[in-house]
Amino acid sequence: MARFSNGLDHVRRRALAVDLLAAVDADALQDSAFARTRRLVAGLDVVDVMAGIARPVPVGVLAEALGLPDVSADVVPVAAAYHPHVEPGAAAEAALTRLLAVCGGPTELAAARIGLLVQACDATAGLIGNGLLAARHGKPAEQPVLATRRRIDGADVTVSLAGTPFGAGPRACPGSRHAVALAAGVLEALHGFRLTETEISWVPAPNLRMPAVLLVTRG
């Protein structure tokens, strides 16, 4: 993946991801996220936004825009195992194997596709969950991703993203506009729902600040 590369390898691999996103219209993503969320919540009185919507909807919509089937069921466990504090298990490895097959095999282009989906998963879910909480309390949303990783001289290092939610410079997130559009579509579709929790549980990850569970109900 580009983020774990340096020099010309980074430039080449990042360009693959940038080119993939360049063909994706952000407004269309927002519309699709809105429509998919509306379908999911139709007829439901209570839903866990984080598990049922915030992860699978953005990933499914983005996968479709990239010409792939809905691979959210495999992206979610891979994304969960992607964080630096987690040791990948057999289920995540199996999910990654399936993703490789769907995305074109062990190539740099397949890695770019998977990277976009995996990195969009929790980050966009955090935008959605924190956005709902912010609306409830009438204050700005918290930044969901607090740190990221880079590989330097063969070792992974943690880089703080404090104050720069999408990074900056030559390694800034190439999909920031797409992520915001996906989150906006979901949040718009959840208009008319209200949070039920008074105590929020948070994802136990040092690099994330996002709700673990977020139940909403109509009315």
C-alpha atoms as a PDB file:
ATOM      1  CA  MET A   1       0.000   0.000   0.000  1.00  0.00           C
ATOM      2  CA  ALA A   2       1.090   3.555  -0.661  1.00  0.00           C
ATOM      3  CA  ARG A   3       1.030   4.618   2.981  1.00  0.00           C
ATOM      4  CA  PHE A   4       3.646   1.995   3.862  1.00  0.00           C
ATOM      5  CA  SER A   5       5.886   2.956   0.949  1.00  0.00           C
ATOM      6  CA  ASN A   6       8.465   5.646   0.383  1.00  0.00           C
ATOM      7  CA  GLY A   7      10.143   7.355  -2.547  1.00  0.00           C
ATOM      8  CA  LEU A   8       9.098   6.337  -6.048  1.00  0.00           C
ATOM      9  CA  ASP A   9       7.109   3.370  -4.739  1.00  0.00           C
ATOM     10  CA  HIS A  10       4.937   5.743  -2.724  1.00  0.00           C
ATOM     11  CA  VAL A  11       4.448   8.103  -5.665  1.00  0.00           C
ATOM     12  CA  ARG A  12       3.429   5.270  -7.994  1.00  0.00           C
ATOM     13  CA  ARG A  13       1.113   3.520  -5.547  1.00  0.00           C
ATOM     14  CA  ARG A  14      -0.530   6.722  -4.346  1.00  0.00           C
ATOM     15  CA  ALA A  15      -1.178   7.699  -7.966  1.00  0.00           C
ATOM     16  CA  LEU A  16      -3.185   4.502  -8.427  1.00  0.00           C
ATOM     17  CA  ALA A  17      -5.470   5.438  -5.530  1.00  0.00           C
ATOM     18  CA  VAL A  18      -5.758   9.043  -6.682  1.00  0.00           C
ATOM     19  CA  ASP A  19      -6.690   7.928 -10.200  1.00  0.00           C
ATOM     20  CA  LEU A  20      -9.339   5.530  -8.869  1.00  0.00           C
ATOM     21  CA  LEU A  21     -10.932   8.298  -6.812  1.00  0.00           C
ATOM     22  CA  ALA A  22     -10.740  10.804  -9.665  1.00  0.00           C
ATOM     23  CA  ALA A  23     -13.297   8.706 -11.543  1.00  0.00           C
ATOM     24  CA  VAL A  24     -15.713   8.756  -8.580  1.00  0.00           C
ATOM     25  CA  ASP A  25     -18.162  11.667  -8.274  1.00  0.00           C
ATOM     26  CA  ALA A  26     -18.507  12.765  -4.651  1.00  0.00           C
ATOM     27  CA  ASP A  27     -22.053  14.078  -5.126  1.00  0.00           C
ATOM     28  CA  ALA A  28     -23.119  10.718  -6.521  1.00  0.00           C
ATOM     29  CA  LEU A  29     -21.605   9.019  -3.467  1.00  0.00           C
ATOM     30  CA  GLN A  30     -23.651  11.243  -1.186  1.00  0.00           C
ATOM     31  CA  ASP A  31     -26.856  10.462  -3.076  1.00  0.00           C
ATOM     32  CA  SER A  32     -26.146   6.721  -3.016  1.00  0.00           C
ATOM     33  CA  ALA A  33     -25.293   6.742   0.691  1.00  0.00           C
ATOM     34  CA  PHE A  34     -28.552   8.566   1.392  1.00  0.00           C
ATOM     35  CA  ALA A  35     -30.610   6.099  -0.654  1.00  0.00           C
ATOM     36  CA  ARG A  36     -28.916   3.007   0.782  1.00  0.00           C
ATOM     37  CA  THR A  37     -29.351   4.220   4.354  1.00  0.00           C
ATOM     38  CA  ARG A  38     -33.018   4.999   3.736  1.00  0.00           C
ATOM     39  CA  ARG A  39     -33.544   1.455   2.467  1.00  0.00           C
ATOM     40  CA  LEU A  40     -31.808  -0.059   5.491  1.00  0.00           C
ATOM     41  CA  VAL A  41     -33.806   1.877   8.075  1.00  0.00           C
ATOM     42  CA  ALA A  42     -37.169   1.552   6.326  1.00  0.00           C
ATOM     43  CA  GLY A  43     -39.580  -0.066   8.754  1.00  0.00           C
ATOM     44  CA  LEU A  44     -37.079  -0.104  11.632  1.00  0.00           C
ATOM     45  CA  ASP A  45     -37.803   1.667  14.880  1.00  0.00           C
ATOM     46  CA  VAL A  46     -34.361   1.134  16.444  1.00  0.00           C
ATOM     47  CA  VAL A  47     -30.992   0.662  14.735  1.00  0.00           C
ATOM     48  CA  ASP A  48     -27.347   0.536  15.831  1.00  0.00           C
ATOM     49  CA  VAL A  49     -25.882   3.134  13.519  1.00  0.00           C
ATOM     50  CA  MET A  50     -22.272   2.050  13.984  1.00  0.00           C
ATOM     51  CA  ALA A  51     -22.712  -1.644  13.168  1.00  0.00           C
ATOM     52  CA  GLY A  52     -25.641  -1.489  10.798  1.00  0.00           C
ATOM     53  CA  ILE A  53     -25.015   1.689   8.817  1.00  0.00           C
ATOM     54  CA  ALA A  54     -21.850   3.697   9.516  1.00  0.00           C
ATOM     55  CA  ARG A  55     -19.460   0.997   8.307  1.00  0.00           C
ATOM     56  CA  PRO A  56     -21.322  -1.081   5.687  1.00  0.00           C
ATOM     57  CA  VAL A  57     -23.059   1.779   3.875  1.00  0.00           C
ATOM     58  CA  PRO A  58     -20.003   3.928   2.974  1.00  0.00           C
ATOM     59  CA  VAL A  59     -17.930   0.860   2.115  1.00  0.00           C
ATOM     60  CA  GLY A  60     -20.682  -0.668  -0.007  1.00  0.00           C
ATOM     61  CA  VAL A  61     -21.346   2.586  -1.852  1.00  0.00           C
ATOM     62  CA  LEU A  62     -17.650   3.224  -2.498  1.00  0.00           C
ATOM     63  CA  ALA A  63     -17.103  -0.354  -3.659  1.00  0.00           C
ATOM     64  CA  GLU A  64     -19.938   0.007  -6.154  1.00  0.00           C
ATOM     65  CA  ALA A  65     -18.462   3.287  -7.417  1.00  0.00           C
ATOM     66  CA  LEU A  66     -15.143   1.486  -7.946  1.00  0.00           C
ATOM     67  CA  GLY A  67     -16.862  -1.179 -10.049  1.00  0.00           C
ATOM     68  CA  LEU A  68     -16.817  -3.841  -7.339  1.00  0.00           C
ATOM     69  CA  PRO A  69     -19.577  -5.843  -5.652  1.00  0.00           C
ATOM     70  CA  ASP A  70     -20.592  -4.957  -2.098  1.00  0.00           C
ATOM     71  CA  VAL A  71     -17.590  -6.299  -0.182  1.00  0.00           C
ATOM     72  CA  SER A  72     -18.407  -4.536   3.094  1.00  0.00           C
ATOM     73  CA  ALA A  73     -18.791  -7.862   4.931  1.00  0.00           C
ATOM     74  CA  ASP A  74     -15.097  -8.562   4.255  1.00  0.00           C
ATOM     75  CA  VAL A  75     -13.800  -5.005   4.500  1.00  0.00           C
ATOM     76  CA  VAL A  76     -15.152  -4.504   8.039  1.00  0.00           C
ATOM     77  CA  PRO A  77     -13.096  -7.327   9.657  1.00  0.00           C
ATOM     78  CA  VAL A  78     -10.003  -6.390   7.654  1.00  0.00           C
ATOM     79  CA  ALA A  79     -10.352  -2.764   8.770  1.00  0.00           C
ATOM     80  CA  ALA A  80     -10.756  -3.884  12.388  1.00  0.00           C
ATOM     81  CA  ALA A  81      -7.497  -5.843  12.147  1.00  0.00           C
ATOM     82  CA  TYR A  82      -5.720  -2.980  10.378  1.00  0.00           C
ATOM     83  CA  HIS A  83      -5.117  -0.913  13.502  1.00  0.00           C
ATOM     84  CA  PRO A  84      -1.657  -1.013  15.120  1.00  0.00           C
ATOM     85  CA  HIS A  85      -2.898  -2.387  18.457  1.00  0.00           C
ATOM     86  CA  VAL A  86      -4.591  -5.418  16.855  1.00  0.00           C
ATOM     87  CA  GLU A  87      -3.041  -8.752  15.885  1.00  0.00           C
ATOM     88  CA  PRO A  88      -4.823 -10.019  12.727  1.00  0.00           C
ATOM     89  CA  GLY A  89      -6.625 -13.331  13.218  1.00  0.00           C
ATOM     90  CA  ALA A  90      -7.663 -16.099  10.863  1.00  0.00           C
ATOM     91  CA  ALA A  91     -11.020 -14.499  10.059  1.00  0.00           C
ATOM     92  CA  ALA A  92      -9.390 -11.237   8.966  1.00  0.00           C
ATOM     93  CA  GLU A  93      -6.799 -13.095   6.889  1.00  0.00           C
ATOM     94  CA  ALA A  94      -9.551 -15.085   5.166  1.00  0.00           C
ATOM     95  CA  ALA A  95     -11.498 -11.895   4.477  1.00  0.00           C
ATOM     96  CA  LEU A  96      -8.397 -10.295   2.967  1.00  0.00           C
ATOM     97  CA  THR A  97      -7.876 -13.322   0.732  1.00  0.00           C
ATOM     98  CA  ARG A  98     -11.420 -12.935  -0.586  1.00  0.00           C
ATOM     99  CA  LEU A  99     -10.909  -9.205  -1.119  1.00  0.00           C
ATOM    100  CA  LEU A 100      -7.753  -9.869  -3.126  1.00  0.00           C
ATOM    101  CA  ALA A 101      -9.649 -12.239  -5.392  1.00  0.00           C
ATOM    102  CA  VAL A 102     -12.479  -9.759  -5.976  1.00  0.00           C
ATOM    103  CA  CYS A 103     -10.120  -6.807  -6.498  1.00  0.00           C
ATOM    104  CA  GLY A 104      -7.903  -8.489  -9.070  1.00  0.00           C
ATOM    105  CA  GLY A 105      -5.325 -10.564  -7.243  1.00  0.00           C
ATOM    106  CA  PRO A 106      -2.036  -9.621  -5.560  1.00  0.00           C
ATOM    107  CA  THR A 107      -1.239  -6.530  -7.612  1.00  0.00           C
ATOM    108  CA  GLU A 108      -0.574  -2.905  -6.729  1.00  0.00           C
ATOM    109  CA  LEU A 109      -3.902  -1.911  -8.291  1.00  0.00           C
ATOM    110  CA  ALA A 110      -5.744  -4.434  -6.118  1.00  0.00           C
ATOM    111  CA  ALA A 111      -3.886  -3.085  -3.090  1.00  0.00           C
ATOM    112  CA  ALA A 112      -4.983   0.429  -4.023  1.00  0.00           C
ATOM    113  CA  ARG A 113      -8.627  -0.656  -4.243  1.00  0.00           C
ATOM    114  CA  ILE A 114      -8.483  -2.523  -0.939  1.00  0.00           C
ATOM    115  CA  GLY A 115      -6.608   0.343   0.699  1.00  0.00           C
ATOM    116  CA  LEU A 116      -9.302   2.835  -0.265  1.00  0.00           C
ATOM    117  CA  LEU A 117     -12.050   0.620   1.123  1.00  0.00           C
ATOM    118  CA  VAL A 118     -10.263  -0.365   4.318  1.00  0.00           C
ATOM    119  CA  GLN A 119      -9.097   3.141   5.139  1.00  0.00           C
ATOM    120  CA  ALA A 120     -12.585   4.515   4.433  1.00  0.00           C
ATOM    121  CA  CYS A 121     -14.274   2.023   6.750  1.00  0.00           C
ATOM    122  CA  ASP A 122     -13.632   3.170  10.332  1.00  0.00           C
ATOM    123  CA  ALA A 123     -12.634   6.714   9.393  1.00  0.00           C
ATOM    124  CA  THR A 124     -15.963   7.424   7.671  1.00  0.00           C
ATOM    125  CA  ALA A 125     -17.878   5.543  10.355  1.00  0.00           C
ATOM    126  CA  GLY A 126     -16.237   7.853  12.862  1.00  0.00           C
ATOM    127  CA  LEU A 127     -17.340  10.904  10.900  1.00  0.00           C
ATOM    128  CA  ILE A 128     -20.906   9.602  11.019  1.00  0.00           C
ATOM    129  CA  GLY A 129     -20.959   8.592  14.674  1.00  0.00           C
ATOM    130  CA  ASN A 130     -19.232  11.722  15.893  1.00  0.00           C
ATOM    131  CA  GLY A 131     -21.453  13.815  13.645  1.00  0.00           C
ATOM    132  CA  LEU A 132     -24.568  12.380  15.275  1.00  0.00           C
ATOM    133  CA  LEU A 133     -23.181  13.068  18.735  1.00  0.00           C
ATOM    134  CA  ALA A 134     -22.203  16.594  17.765  1.00  0.00           C
ATOM    135  CA  ALA A 135     -25.710  17.325  16.478  1.00  0.00           C
ATOM    136  CA  ARG A 136     -27.169  16.033  19.714  1.00  0.00           C
ATOM    137  CA  HIS A 137     -25.005  18.291  21.871  1.00  0.00           C
ATOM    138  CA  GLY A 138     -24.871  21.258  19.501  1.00  0.00           C
ATOM    139  CA  LYS A 139     -21.097  21.368  19.238  1.00  0.00           C
ATOM    140  CA  PRO A 140     -18.428  20.590  16.615  1.00  0.00           C
ATOM    141  CA  ALA A 141     -17.796  16.925  15.848  1.00  0.00           C
ATOM    142  CA  GLU A 142     -14.703  15.312  17.292  1.00  0.00           C
ATOM    143  CA  GLN A 143     -11.940  14.135  14.992  1.00  0.00           C
ATOM    144  CA  PRO A 144     -12.363  10.346  14.598  1.00  0.00           C
ATOM    145  CA  VAL A 145      -8.824   9.351  13.554  1.00  0.00           C
ATOM    146  CA  LEU A 146      -6.212  10.573  16.011  1.00  0.00           C
ATOM    147  CA  ALA A 147      -3.113   8.963  14.531  1.00  0.00           C
ATOM    148  CA  THR A 148      -1.909   7.005  11.533  1.00  0.00           C
ATOM    149  CA  ARG A 149       1.043   4.795  10.656  1.00  0.00           C
ATOM    150  CA  ARG A 150       3.942   5.140   8.253  1.00  0.00           C
ATOM    151  CA  ARG A 151       6.825   2.801   7.463  1.00  0.00           C
ATOM    152  CA  ILE A 152      10.320   4.242   7.787  1.00  0.00           C
ATOM    153  CA  ASP A 153      13.441   2.107   7.309  1.00  0.00           C
ATOM    154  CA  GLY A 154      11.375  -1.055   7.624  1.00  0.00           C
ATOM    155  CA  ALA A 155       9.696  -0.043  10.890  1.00  0.00           C
ATOM    156  CA  ASP A 156       6.148   1.189  11.464  1.00  0.00           C
ATOM    157  CA  VAL A 157       5.909   4.532  13.223  1.00  0.00           C
ATOM    158  CA  THR A 158       2.860   6.336  14.613  1.00  0.00           C
ATOM    159  CA  VAL A 159       2.124   9.839  13.346  1.00  0.00           C
ATOM    160  CA  SER A 160      -0.257  12.139  15.211  1.00  0.00           C
ATOM    161  CA  LEU A 161      -3.064  13.689  13.170  1.00  0.00           C
ATOM    162  CA  ALA A 162      -4.082  16.172  15.865  1.00  0.00           C
ATOM    163  CA  GLY A 163      -5.627  19.190  14.178  1.00  0.00           C
ATOM    164  CA  THR A 164      -5.281  17.640  10.709  1.00  0.00           C
ATOM    165  CA  PRO A 165      -8.068  15.034  10.405  1.00  0.00           C
ATOM    166  CA  PHE A 166      -7.167  14.134   6.820  1.00  0.00           C
ATOM    167  CA  GLY A 167      -3.429  14.638   7.091  1.00  0.00           C
ATOM    168  CA  ALA A 168      -1.413  17.167   5.147  1.00  0.00           C
ATOM    169  CA  GLY A 169       1.245  17.477   2.487  1.00  0.00           C
ATOM    170  CA  PRO A 170       2.128  14.745  -0.025  1.00  0.00           C
ATOM    171  CA  ARG A 171       0.539  12.065   2.185  1.00  0.00           C
ATOM    172  CA  ALA A 172      -2.762  13.823   2.850  1.00  0.00           C
ATOM    173  CA  CYS A 173      -5.836  11.610   2.473  1.00  0.00           C
ATOM    174  CA  PRO A 174      -6.795  11.638  -1.232  1.00  0.00           C
ATOM    175  CA  GLY A 175     -10.389  10.748  -0.397  1.00  0.00           C
ATOM    176  CA  SER A 176     -11.312  13.452   2.105  1.00  0.00           C
ATOM    177  CA  ARG A 177     -14.002  14.950  -0.128  1.00  0.00           C
ATOM    178  CA  HIS A 178     -15.451  11.501  -0.804  1.00  0.00           C
ATOM    179  CA  ALA A 179     -15.501  10.587   2.890  1.00  0.00           C
ATOM    180  CA  VAL A 180     -17.320  13.788   3.821  1.00  0.00           C
ATOM    181  CA  ALA A 181     -19.862  13.194   1.052  1.00  0.00           C
ATOM    182  CA  LEU A 182     -20.529   9.622   2.209  1.00  0.00           C
ATOM    183  CA  ALA A 183     -20.965  10.739   5.806  1.00  0.00           C
ATOM    184  CA  ALA A 184     -23.249  13.603   4.767  1.00  0.00           C
ATOM    185  CA  GLY A 185     -25.494  11.243   2.808  1.00  0.00           C
ATOM    186  CA  VAL A 186     -25.879   8.891   5.763  1.00  0.00           C
ATOM    187  CA  LEU A 187     -26.498  11.686   8.263  1.00  0.00           C
ATOM    188  CA  GLU A 188     -29.095  13.261   5.992  1.00  0.00           C
ATOM    189  CA  ALA A 189     -30.911   9.922   5.716  1.00  0.00           C
ATOM    190  CA  LEU A 190     -30.991   9.604   9.514  1.00  0.00           C
ATOM    191  CA  HIS A 191     -32.811  12.895   9.922  1.00  0.00           C
ATOM    192  CA  GLY A 192     -35.827  12.238  12.139  1.00  0.00           C
ATOM    193  CA  PHE A 193     -34.028   9.645  14.263  1.00  0.00           C
ATOM    194  CA  ARG A 194     -32.811  10.463  17.772  1.00  0.00           C
ATOM    195  CA  LEU A 195     -30.130   8.934  19.965  1.00  0.00           C
ATOM    196  CA  THR A 196     -31.319   6.706  22.802  1.00  0.00           C
ATOM    197  CA  GLU A 197     -28.125   6.419  24.860  1.00  0.00           C
ATOM    198  CA  THR A 198     -27.190   8.686  27.709  1.00  0.00           C
ATOM    199  CA  GLU A 199     -23.827   6.952  28.241  1.00  0.00           C
ATOM    200  CA  ILE A 200     -21.648   6.442  25.165  1.00  0.00           C
ATOM    201  CA  SER A 201     -19.174   3.565  24.885  1.00  0.00           C
ATOM    202  CA  TRP A 202     -16.128   4.247  22.752  1.00  0.00           C
ATOM    203  CA  VAL A 203     -14.102   2.038  20.431  1.00  0.00           C
ATOM    204  CA  PRO A 204     -11.146   0.793  22.532  1.00  0.00           C
ATOM    205  CA  ALA A 205      -8.432   1.954  20.146  1.00  0.00           C
ATOM    206  CA  PRO A 206      -5.673   4.464  20.906  1.00  0.00           C
ATOM    207  CA  ASN A 207      -5.807   5.903  17.387  1.00  0.00           C
ATOM    208  CA  LEU A 208      -9.597   6.313  17.173  1.00  0.00           C
ATOM    209  CA  ARG A 209     -12.209   8.468  18.884  1.00  0.00           C
ATOM    210  CA  MET A 210     -15.582   7.132  17.811  1.00  0.00           C
ATOM    211  CA  PRO A 211     -18.618   5.462  19.404  1.00  0.00           C
ATOM    212  CA  ALA A 212     -18.628   1.664  19.617  1.00  0.00           C
ATOM    213  CA  VAL A 213     -22.436   1.480  19.688  1.00  0.00           C
ATOM    214  CA  LEU A 214     -24.913   4.211  18.794  1.00  0.00           C
ATOM    215  CA  LEU A 215     -28.571   3.266  18.999  1.00  0.00           C
ATOM    216  CA  VAL A 216     -31.102   5.581  17.385  1.00  0.00           C
ATOM    217  CA  THR A 217     -34.877   5.459  17.252  1.00  0.00           C
ATOM    218  CA  ARG A 218     -37.520   7.241  15.233  1.00  0.00           C
ATOM    219  CA  GLY A 219     -39.066  10.412  16.562  1.00  0.00           C
END
